[in-house]
Amino acid sequence: TVGAASNDFITCKIDGVFSTFNMNTDATLDQTSGFPTLIIDGSTTTSAMPGISIILAKALGGAITAGSYNVNQGLTGTILSVNYRDGAGVDYMAVSNPGTTQTPAFTLVITSITTTKVIGTFTGPLKDNNGAGPGVKNITEGKFDLTF
């Protein structure tokens, strides 16, 4: 038996260069921690590098719904963590931290979420050194369309 081809994708521009993360692509809506967590992952090759991971958690509860989320919402219990690992294994990150503000803020927009699918966009800067920099990768035109 042959299943239908997957239409799942994660794409973006990294410093202006188009990238596709369609290997090991996955989306999960997890409730095991007691609050909802959306996990989006993909890589450009069968190895994990380069790869991207986006995690959105509602630590104070409530559903993950269509809307705009950014790394500056930590005080509201909305935690956004984004990690891009380049081909050399260097991690570039943006992570919600209630004590800091990122300008511009890395932003995830969920345009549609159902029990079987999540669609949206993402954009913003990611920094090396656990998000402290000085190295920066600018993510633009990020898009995803994934089944759970």
C-alpha atoms as a PDB file:
ATOM      1  CA  THR A   1       0.000   0.000   0.000  1.00  0.00           C
ATOM      2  CA  VAL A   2       1.294   3.419  -0.937  1.00  0.00           C
ATOM      3  CA  GLY A   3       0.126   6.456   1.006  1.00  0.00           C
ATOM      4  CA  ALA A   4      -0.509   9.891  -0.412  1.00  0.00           C
ATOM      5  CA  ALA A   5       2.512  12.142  -0.802  1.00  0.00           C
ATOM      6  CA  SER A   6       3.002  14.581   2.050  1.00  0.00           C
ATOM      7  CA  ASN A   7       2.422  18.264   1.320  1.00  0.00           C
ATOM      8  CA  ASP A   8       4.089  19.276   4.611  1.00  0.00           C
ATOM      9  CA  PHE A   9       6.735  21.983   4.402  1.00  0.00           C
ATOM     10  CA  ILE A  10       8.862  24.448   6.340  1.00  0.00           C
ATOM     11  CA  THR A  11      10.600  27.181   4.329  1.00  0.00           C
ATOM     12  CA  CYS A  12      12.252  30.531   5.030  1.00  0.00           C
ATOM     13  CA  LYS A  13      15.032  32.853   3.995  1.00  0.00           C
ATOM     14  CA  ILE A  14      18.120  32.893   6.203  1.00  0.00           C
ATOM     15  CA  ASP A  15      20.128  36.069   5.637  1.00  0.00           C
ATOM     16  CA  GLY A  16      18.299  36.374   2.303  1.00  0.00           C
ATOM     17  CA  VAL A  17      18.996  32.809   1.120  1.00  0.00           C
ATOM     18  CA  PHE A  18      15.956  30.558   0.558  1.00  0.00           C
ATOM     19  CA  SER A  19      16.037  27.369   2.684  1.00  0.00           C
ATOM     20  CA  THR A  20      13.745  24.351   2.771  1.00  0.00           C
ATOM     21  CA  PHE A  21      13.525  22.104   5.858  1.00  0.00           C
ATOM     22  CA  ASN A  22      11.532  19.241   4.372  1.00  0.00           C
ATOM     23  CA  MET A  23      13.499  16.277   5.755  1.00  0.00           C
ATOM     24  CA  ASN A  24      12.513  14.881   9.155  1.00  0.00           C
ATOM     25  CA  THR A  25       9.628  17.391   9.097  1.00  0.00           C
ATOM     26  CA  ASP A  26       7.295  17.020  12.050  1.00  0.00           C
ATOM     27  CA  ALA A  27       4.621  18.878  14.000  1.00  0.00           C
ATOM     28  CA  THR A  28       3.395  17.747  17.397  1.00  0.00           C
ATOM     29  CA  LEU A  29       0.810  19.172  19.767  1.00  0.00           C
ATOM     30  CA  ASP A  30       1.814  17.761  23.144  1.00  0.00           C
ATOM     31  CA  GLN A  31      -0.153  17.978  26.417  1.00  0.00           C
ATOM     32  CA  THR A  32       1.924  15.602  28.579  1.00  0.00           C
ATOM     33  CA  SER A  33       3.572  18.401  30.578  1.00  0.00           C
ATOM     34  CA  GLY A  34       0.183  19.634  31.814  1.00  0.00           C
ATOM     35  CA  PHE A  35       0.007  22.524  29.360  1.00  0.00           C
ATOM     36  CA  PRO A  36      -0.130  22.619  25.545  1.00  0.00           C
ATOM     37  CA  THR A  37       3.139  22.650  23.623  1.00  0.00           C
ATOM     38  CA  LEU A  38       3.409  22.952  19.834  1.00  0.00           C
ATOM     39  CA  ILE A  39       6.655  21.568  18.389  1.00  0.00           C
ATOM     40  CA  ILE A  40       7.659  22.153  14.756  1.00  0.00           C
ATOM     41  CA  ASP A  41      10.862  20.557  13.432  1.00  0.00           C
ATOM     42  CA  GLY A  42      12.589  20.027  10.118  1.00  0.00           C
ATOM     43  CA  SER A  43      16.013  19.697   8.521  1.00  0.00           C
ATOM     44  CA  THR A  44      17.522  20.162   5.084  1.00  0.00           C
ATOM     45  CA  THR A  45      19.170  16.721   5.003  1.00  0.00           C
ATOM     46  CA  THR A  46      18.636  13.320   6.598  1.00  0.00           C
ATOM     47  CA  SER A  47      21.041  14.425   9.330  1.00  0.00           C
ATOM     48  CA  ALA A  48      19.736  17.083  11.697  1.00  0.00           C
ATOM     49  CA  MET A  49      21.909  19.854  10.222  1.00  0.00           C
ATOM     50  CA  PRO A  50      20.998  22.356   9.007  1.00  0.00           C
ATOM     51  CA  GLY A  51      17.758  22.206  10.938  1.00  0.00           C
ATOM     52  CA  ILE A  52      15.114  24.357  12.562  1.00  0.00           C
ATOM     53  CA  SER A  53      12.980  23.807  15.646  1.00  0.00           C
ATOM     54  CA  ILE A  54      10.139  26.044  16.850  1.00  0.00           C
ATOM     55  CA  ILE A  55       8.478  25.390  20.212  1.00  0.00           C
ATOM     56  CA  LEU A  56       5.453  27.288  21.502  1.00  0.00           C
ATOM     57  CA  ALA A  57       4.150  26.544  25.012  1.00  0.00           C
ATOM     58  CA  LYS A  58       1.257  28.002  26.988  1.00  0.00           C
ATOM     59  CA  ALA A  59       2.791  27.459  30.440  1.00  0.00           C
ATOM     60  CA  LEU A  60      -0.216  28.926  32.277  1.00  0.00           C
ATOM     61  CA  GLY A  61      -2.637  26.746  30.319  1.00  0.00           C
ATOM     62  CA  GLY A  62      -5.181  27.584  27.685  1.00  0.00           C
ATOM     63  CA  ALA A  63      -5.313  26.379  24.121  1.00  0.00           C
ATOM     64  CA  ILE A  64      -2.816  27.167  21.395  1.00  0.00           C
ATOM     65  CA  THR A  65      -4.970  28.995  18.872  1.00  0.00           C
ATOM     66  CA  ALA A  66      -4.550  30.987  15.671  1.00  0.00           C
ATOM     67  CA  GLY A  67      -2.789  34.234  16.505  1.00  0.00           C
ATOM     68  CA  SER A  68       0.523  36.020  16.809  1.00  0.00           C
ATOM     69  CA  TYR A  69       3.130  34.930  19.365  1.00  0.00           C
ATOM     70  CA  ASN A  70       6.582  36.376  20.061  1.00  0.00           C
ATOM     71  CA  VAL A  71       9.529  35.843  22.386  1.00  0.00           C
ATOM     72  CA  ASN A  72       8.591  38.903  24.464  1.00  0.00           C
ATOM     73  CA  GLN A  73       5.418  37.303  25.873  1.00  0.00           C
ATOM     74  CA  GLY A  74       7.129  35.247  28.601  1.00  0.00           C
ATOM     75  CA  LEU A  75       5.458  37.192  31.421  1.00  0.00           C
ATOM     76  CA  THR A  76       2.056  36.102  30.082  1.00  0.00           C
ATOM     77  CA  GLY A  77       3.058  32.426  30.257  1.00  0.00           C
ATOM     78  CA  THR A  78       3.471  32.147  26.494  1.00  0.00           C
ATOM     79  CA  ILE A  79       6.926  30.716  25.840  1.00  0.00           C
ATOM     80  CA  LEU A  80       8.440  30.735  22.341  1.00  0.00           C
ATOM     81  CA  SER A  81      11.767  29.040  21.648  1.00  0.00           C
ATOM     82  CA  VAL A  82      13.366  28.916  18.196  1.00  0.00           C
ATOM     83  CA  ASN A  83      16.599  27.146  17.286  1.00  0.00           C
ATOM     84  CA  TYR A  84      18.385  27.068  13.927  1.00  0.00           C
ATOM     85  CA  ARG A  85      21.449  24.816  13.681  1.00  0.00           C
ATOM     86  CA  ASP A  86      23.625  25.589  10.672  1.00  0.00           C
ATOM     87  CA  GLY A  87      25.656  23.067   8.663  1.00  0.00           C
ATOM     88  CA  ALA A  88      28.689  23.577  10.929  1.00  0.00           C
ATOM     89  CA  GLY A  89      26.649  22.739  14.037  1.00  0.00           C
ATOM     90  CA  VAL A  90      26.408  26.323  15.352  1.00  0.00           C
ATOM     91  CA  ASP A  91      23.116  27.032  17.130  1.00  0.00           C
ATOM     92  CA  TYR A  92      21.287  30.334  16.654  1.00  0.00           C
ATOM     93  CA  MET A  93      18.425  30.951  19.067  1.00  0.00           C
ATOM     94  CA  ALA A  94      15.632  33.191  20.245  1.00  0.00           C
ATOM     95  CA  VAL A  95      13.998  32.204  23.541  1.00  0.00           C
ATOM     96  CA  SER A  96      11.350  33.821  25.730  1.00  0.00           C
ATOM     97  CA  ASN A  97      12.952  35.219  28.852  1.00  0.00           C
ATOM     98  CA  PRO A  98      10.699  37.230  31.160  1.00  0.00           C
ATOM     99  CA  GLY A  99      13.629  39.476  32.179  1.00  0.00           C
ATOM    100  CA  THR A 100      14.635  40.601  28.669  1.00  0.00           C
ATOM    101  CA  THR A 101      13.086  42.116  25.550  1.00  0.00           C
ATOM    102  CA  GLN A 102      14.197  41.268  22.024  1.00  0.00           C
ATOM    103  CA  THR A 103      13.931  44.037  19.402  1.00  0.00           C
ATOM    104  CA  PRO A 104      12.766  43.162  16.865  1.00  0.00           C
ATOM    105  CA  ALA A 105      11.030  40.222  18.487  1.00  0.00           C
ATOM    106  CA  PHE A 106      11.081  36.825  16.821  1.00  0.00           C
ATOM    107  CA  THR A 107       7.449  36.226  15.870  1.00  0.00           C
ATOM    108  CA  LEU A 108       5.404  33.122  15.086  1.00  0.00           C
ATOM    109  CA  VAL A 109       1.966  33.579  13.518  1.00  0.00           C
ATOM    110  CA  ILE A 110      -0.410  30.629  13.488  1.00  0.00           C
ATOM    111  CA  THR A 111      -2.933  31.317  10.748  1.00  0.00           C
ATOM    112  CA  SER A 112      -4.786  28.015  11.185  1.00  0.00           C
ATOM    113  CA  ILE A 113      -4.662  25.165  13.681  1.00  0.00           C
ATOM    114  CA  THR A 114      -6.969  22.144  13.786  1.00  0.00           C
ATOM    115  CA  THR A 115      -6.741  18.693  15.346  1.00  0.00           C
ATOM    116  CA  THR A 116      -4.847  17.508  12.242  1.00  0.00           C
ATOM    117  CA  LYS A 117      -2.964  20.512  10.790  1.00  0.00           C
ATOM    118  CA  VAL A 118      -1.078  23.714  11.644  1.00  0.00           C
ATOM    119  CA  ILE A 119      -0.300  26.509   9.165  1.00  0.00           C
ATOM    120  CA  GLY A 120       1.586  29.723   9.756  1.00  0.00           C
ATOM    121  CA  THR A 121       4.537  32.048   9.324  1.00  0.00           C
ATOM    122  CA  PHE A 122       7.633  33.061  11.281  1.00  0.00           C
ATOM    123  CA  THR A 123      10.237  35.824  11.158  1.00  0.00           C
ATOM    124  CA  GLY A 124      12.926  37.457  13.256  1.00  0.00           C
ATOM    125  CA  PRO A 125      16.555  37.408  14.341  1.00  0.00           C
ATOM    126  CA  LEU A 126      18.302  34.422  15.910  1.00  0.00           C
ATOM    127  CA  LYS A 127      21.604  34.807  17.777  1.00  0.00           C
ATOM    128  CA  ASP A 128      24.464  32.431  18.508  1.00  0.00           C
ATOM    129  CA  ASN A 129      25.957  31.996  22.003  1.00  0.00           C
ATOM    130  CA  ASN A 130      22.646  30.742  23.495  1.00  0.00           C
ATOM    131  CA  GLY A 131      20.796  33.718  22.053  1.00  0.00           C
ATOM    132  CA  ALA A 132      23.230  36.328  23.418  1.00  0.00           C
ATOM    133  CA  GLY A 133      25.133  36.934  20.153  1.00  0.00           C
ATOM    134  CA  PRO A 134      27.081  38.586  18.701  1.00  0.00           C
ATOM    135  CA  GLY A 135      26.460  36.381  15.612  1.00  0.00           C
ATOM    136  CA  VAL A 136      23.000  36.830  14.080  1.00  0.00           C
ATOM    137  CA  LYS A 137      20.970  34.967  11.465  1.00  0.00           C
ATOM    138  CA  ASN A 138      17.978  36.925  10.157  1.00  0.00           C
ATOM    139  CA  ILE A 139      14.982  34.742   9.353  1.00  0.00           C
ATOM    140  CA  THR A 140      12.441  36.197   6.912  1.00  0.00           C
ATOM    141  CA  GLU A 141       9.501  34.868   4.883  1.00  0.00           C
ATOM    142  CA  GLY A 142       9.210  31.775   7.091  1.00  0.00           C
ATOM    143  CA  LYS A 143       6.225  29.540   6.272  1.00  0.00           C
ATOM    144  CA  PHE A 144       4.974  26.160   7.418  1.00  0.00           C
ATOM    145  CA  ASP A 145       2.083  23.869   6.608  1.00  0.00           C
ATOM    146  CA  LEU A 146       2.244  20.636   8.608  1.00  0.00           C
ATOM    147  CA  THR A 147       0.017  17.755   9.652  1.00  0.00           C
ATOM    148  CA  PHE A 148       0.062  16.356  13.179  1.00  0.00           C
END
